[in-house]
Amino acid sequence: MKMSTLWHAATPTETMNEPEHISEDEDEAETSSPSVARRSSSSSTRKRKRATNDNDLVVAFKEMLSESVDKLGEVLQVAFGKGVDPKPEIVSELSKMDLSIEDQIKALNILFEKPQNERTFSSLDGAMKKAFVLMLLGQSNPN
């Protein structure tokens, strides 16, 4: 290979044609502007679609999370029992203690005011339950 074939000097005619070449590039830039506008328009459409898809994902995730929490609650109920409400039993037991209705209501308020009082009452037997209730009533009536 000769170096002369690799390096080509521009002739005056070729040099005169170069501005036309530049104007062709400008024409391409002008014609590409609508193309760019179309691309940016389709890009914003894609962003809207992506945002819609993101919203769908959020909704689906919330539904899955809600279902999981519900299932966890069911599992916990099975594992730890149905959670029988002790309140009706406590009301029944207080009514058998020969207390006035007013004292029964005060005792219920005191027992349910603090969970530890309710647990203690439920763990005691017979006479101890009555003594516990009388003690709580005595603490609430500083006479």
Protein backbone atom coordinates (compact mmCIF):
# COMPACT_ATOMS: atom_id res chain seq x y z
CA MET A 1 0.00 0.00 0.00
CA LYS A 2 1.09 3.44 -0.78
CA MET A 3 0.70 6.27 1.65
CA SER A 4 -0.81 8.42 -1.02
CA THR A 5 -3.90 6.22 -1.16
CA LEU A 6 -4.37 6.49 2.57
CA TRP A 7 -4.09 10.24 2.72
CA HIS A 8 -6.26 12.01 0.28
CA ALA A 9 -5.94 15.73 -0.23
CA ALA A 10 -9.17 17.58 -0.84
CA THR A 11 -9.54 19.14 -4.24
CA PRO A 12 -10.97 22.65 -4.56
CA THR A 13 -14.21 21.15 -5.89
CA GLU A 14 -14.56 18.86 -2.88
CA THR A 15 -13.87 21.78 -0.56
CA MET A 16 -16.65 23.79 -2.19
CA ASN A 17 -19.06 20.91 -1.69
CA GLU A 18 -18.34 20.69 2.05
CA PRO A 19 -20.73 23.49 3.07
CA GLU A 20 -23.47 21.58 1.32
CA HIS A 21 -22.52 18.58 3.40
CA ILE A 22 -22.80 20.68 6.56
CA SER A 23 -26.19 21.95 5.51
CA GLU A 24 -27.26 18.35 5.00
CA ASP A 25 -26.27 17.68 8.61
CA GLU A 26 -28.35 20.67 9.64
CA ASP A 27 -31.23 19.30 7.60
CA GLU A 28 -30.81 15.98 9.35
CA ALA A 29 -30.83 17.78 12.69
CA GLU A 30 -34.00 19.59 11.70
CA THR A 31 -35.64 16.41 10.49
CA SER A 32 -34.46 14.57 13.55
CA SER A 33 -36.13 17.12 15.85
CA PRO A 34 -39.61 15.68 15.27
CA SER A 35 -38.06 12.28 15.76
CA VAL A 36 -36.58 13.45 19.05
CA ALA A 37 -39.94 14.95 20.01
CA ARG A 38 -41.63 11.65 19.18
CA ARG A 39 -39.04 9.80 21.25
CA SER A 40 -39.53 12.12 24.23
CA SER A 41 -43.29 11.81 23.82
CA SER A 42 -43.06 8.04 23.77
CA SER A 43 -40.65 8.26 26.70
CA SER A 44 -43.22 10.19 28.74
CA THR A 45 -45.85 7.63 27.70
CA ARG A 46 -43.54 4.89 28.92
CA LYS A 47 -43.07 6.79 32.19
CA ARG A 48 -46.84 7.03 32.63
CA LYS A 49 -47.19 3.33 31.90
CA ARG A 50 -44.37 2.62 34.34
CA ALA A 51 -46.07 4.79 36.98
CA THR A 52 -49.32 2.93 36.39
CA ASN A 53 -47.46 -0.36 36.72
CA ASP A 54 -45.84 0.92 39.94
CA ASN A 55 -49.28 1.79 41.33
CA ASP A 56 -50.50 -1.68 40.39
CA LEU A 57 -47.51 -3.16 42.21
CA VAL A 58 -48.24 -1.09 45.32
CA VAL A 59 -51.88 -2.20 45.34
CA ALA A 60 -50.91 -5.83 44.82
CA PHE A 61 -48.30 -5.63 47.58
CA LYS A 62 -50.81 -4.10 50.02
CA GLU A 63 -53.30 -6.87 49.25
CA MET A 64 -50.66 -9.56 49.77
CA LEU A 65 -49.55 -7.95 53.04
CA SER A 66 -53.14 -7.74 54.28
CA GLU A 67 -53.74 -11.40 53.43
CA SER A 68 -50.51 -12.36 55.21
CA VAL A 69 -51.52 -10.47 58.35
CA ASP A 70 -54.95 -12.14 58.30
CA LYS A 71 -53.37 -15.58 57.91
CA LEU A 72 -50.90 -14.83 60.70
CA GLY A 73 -53.82 -13.89 62.96
CA GLU A 74 -55.51 -17.20 62.15
CA VAL A 75 -52.31 -19.13 62.88
CA LEU A 76 -51.88 -17.31 66.20
CA GLN A 77 -55.49 -18.04 67.18
CA VAL A 78 -54.97 -21.72 66.48
CA ALA A 79 -51.63 -21.76 68.29
CA PHE A 80 -52.77 -19.89 71.38
CA GLY A 81 -56.45 -20.76 71.51
CA LYS A 82 -59.46 -18.85 70.35
CA GLY A 83 -58.98 -16.20 72.99
CA VAL A 84 -62.11 -16.75 75.04
CA ASP A 85 -63.20 -13.43 76.50
CA PRO A 86 -62.96 -13.78 80.30
CA LYS A 87 -65.14 -10.73 80.96
CA PRO A 88 -68.51 -12.53 81.08
CA GLU A 89 -67.02 -15.11 83.45
CA ILE A 90 -65.68 -12.35 85.70
CA VAL A 91 -69.08 -10.62 85.75
CA SER A 92 -70.72 -13.92 86.69
CA GLU A 93 -68.21 -14.59 89.47
CA LEU A 94 -68.60 -11.09 90.93
CA SER A 95 -72.37 -11.50 91.03
CA LYS A 96 -71.90 -14.61 93.21
CA MET A 97 -69.74 -12.77 95.80
CA ASP A 98 -72.61 -11.09 97.69
CA LEU A 99 -71.38 -7.63 96.72
CA SER A 100 -73.70 -4.70 96.14
CA ILE A 101 -74.34 -3.83 92.50
CA GLU A 102 -72.40 -0.62 93.02
CA ASP A 103 -69.39 -2.56 94.36
CA GLN A 104 -69.63 -5.05 91.49
CA ILE A 105 -69.50 -2.19 88.98
CA LYS A 106 -66.56 -0.57 90.80
CA ALA A 107 -64.79 -3.93 90.92
CA LEU A 108 -65.32 -4.44 87.18
CA ASN A 109 -63.91 -1.00 86.44
CA ILE A 110 -60.89 -1.66 88.64
CA LEU A 111 -60.30 -5.15 87.22
CA PHE A 112 -60.54 -4.05 83.59
CA GLU A 113 -58.63 -0.82 84.16
CA LYS A 114 -55.35 -2.72 84.46
CA PRO A 115 -54.72 -6.01 82.65
CA GLN A 116 -52.64 -7.27 85.59
CA ASN A 117 -55.70 -6.99 87.88
CA GLU A 118 -57.78 -9.02 85.43
CA ARG A 119 -55.05 -11.68 85.12
CA THR A 120 -54.60 -11.89 88.89
CA PHE A 121 -58.35 -12.24 89.46
CA SER A 122 -58.59 -14.99 86.83
CA SER A 123 -55.70 -16.91 88.34
CA LEU A 124 -57.14 -16.99 91.90
CA ASP A 125 -59.67 -19.43 93.37
CA GLY A 126 -62.92 -18.84 95.31
CA ALA A 127 -62.26 -17.06 98.61
CA MET A 128 -59.02 -15.57 97.31
CA LYS A 129 -60.91 -13.91 94.43
CA LYS A 130 -63.31 -12.28 96.88
CA ALA A 131 -60.46 -11.13 99.13
CA PHE A 132 -58.66 -9.69 96.09
CA VAL A 133 -61.80 -7.80 94.98
CA LEU A 134 -62.38 -6.46 98.51
CA MET A 135 -58.75 -5.38 98.67
CA LEU A 136 -59.09 -3.55 95.31
CA LEU A 137 -62.34 -1.92 96.46
CA GLY A 138 -60.68 -0.88 99.75
CA GLN A 139 -57.81 0.72 97.83
CA SER A 140 -60.23 2.63 95.64
CA ASN A 141 -62.23 3.89 98.69
CA PRO A 142 -59.76 5.51 101.08
CA ASN A 143 -62.17 5.85 104.06
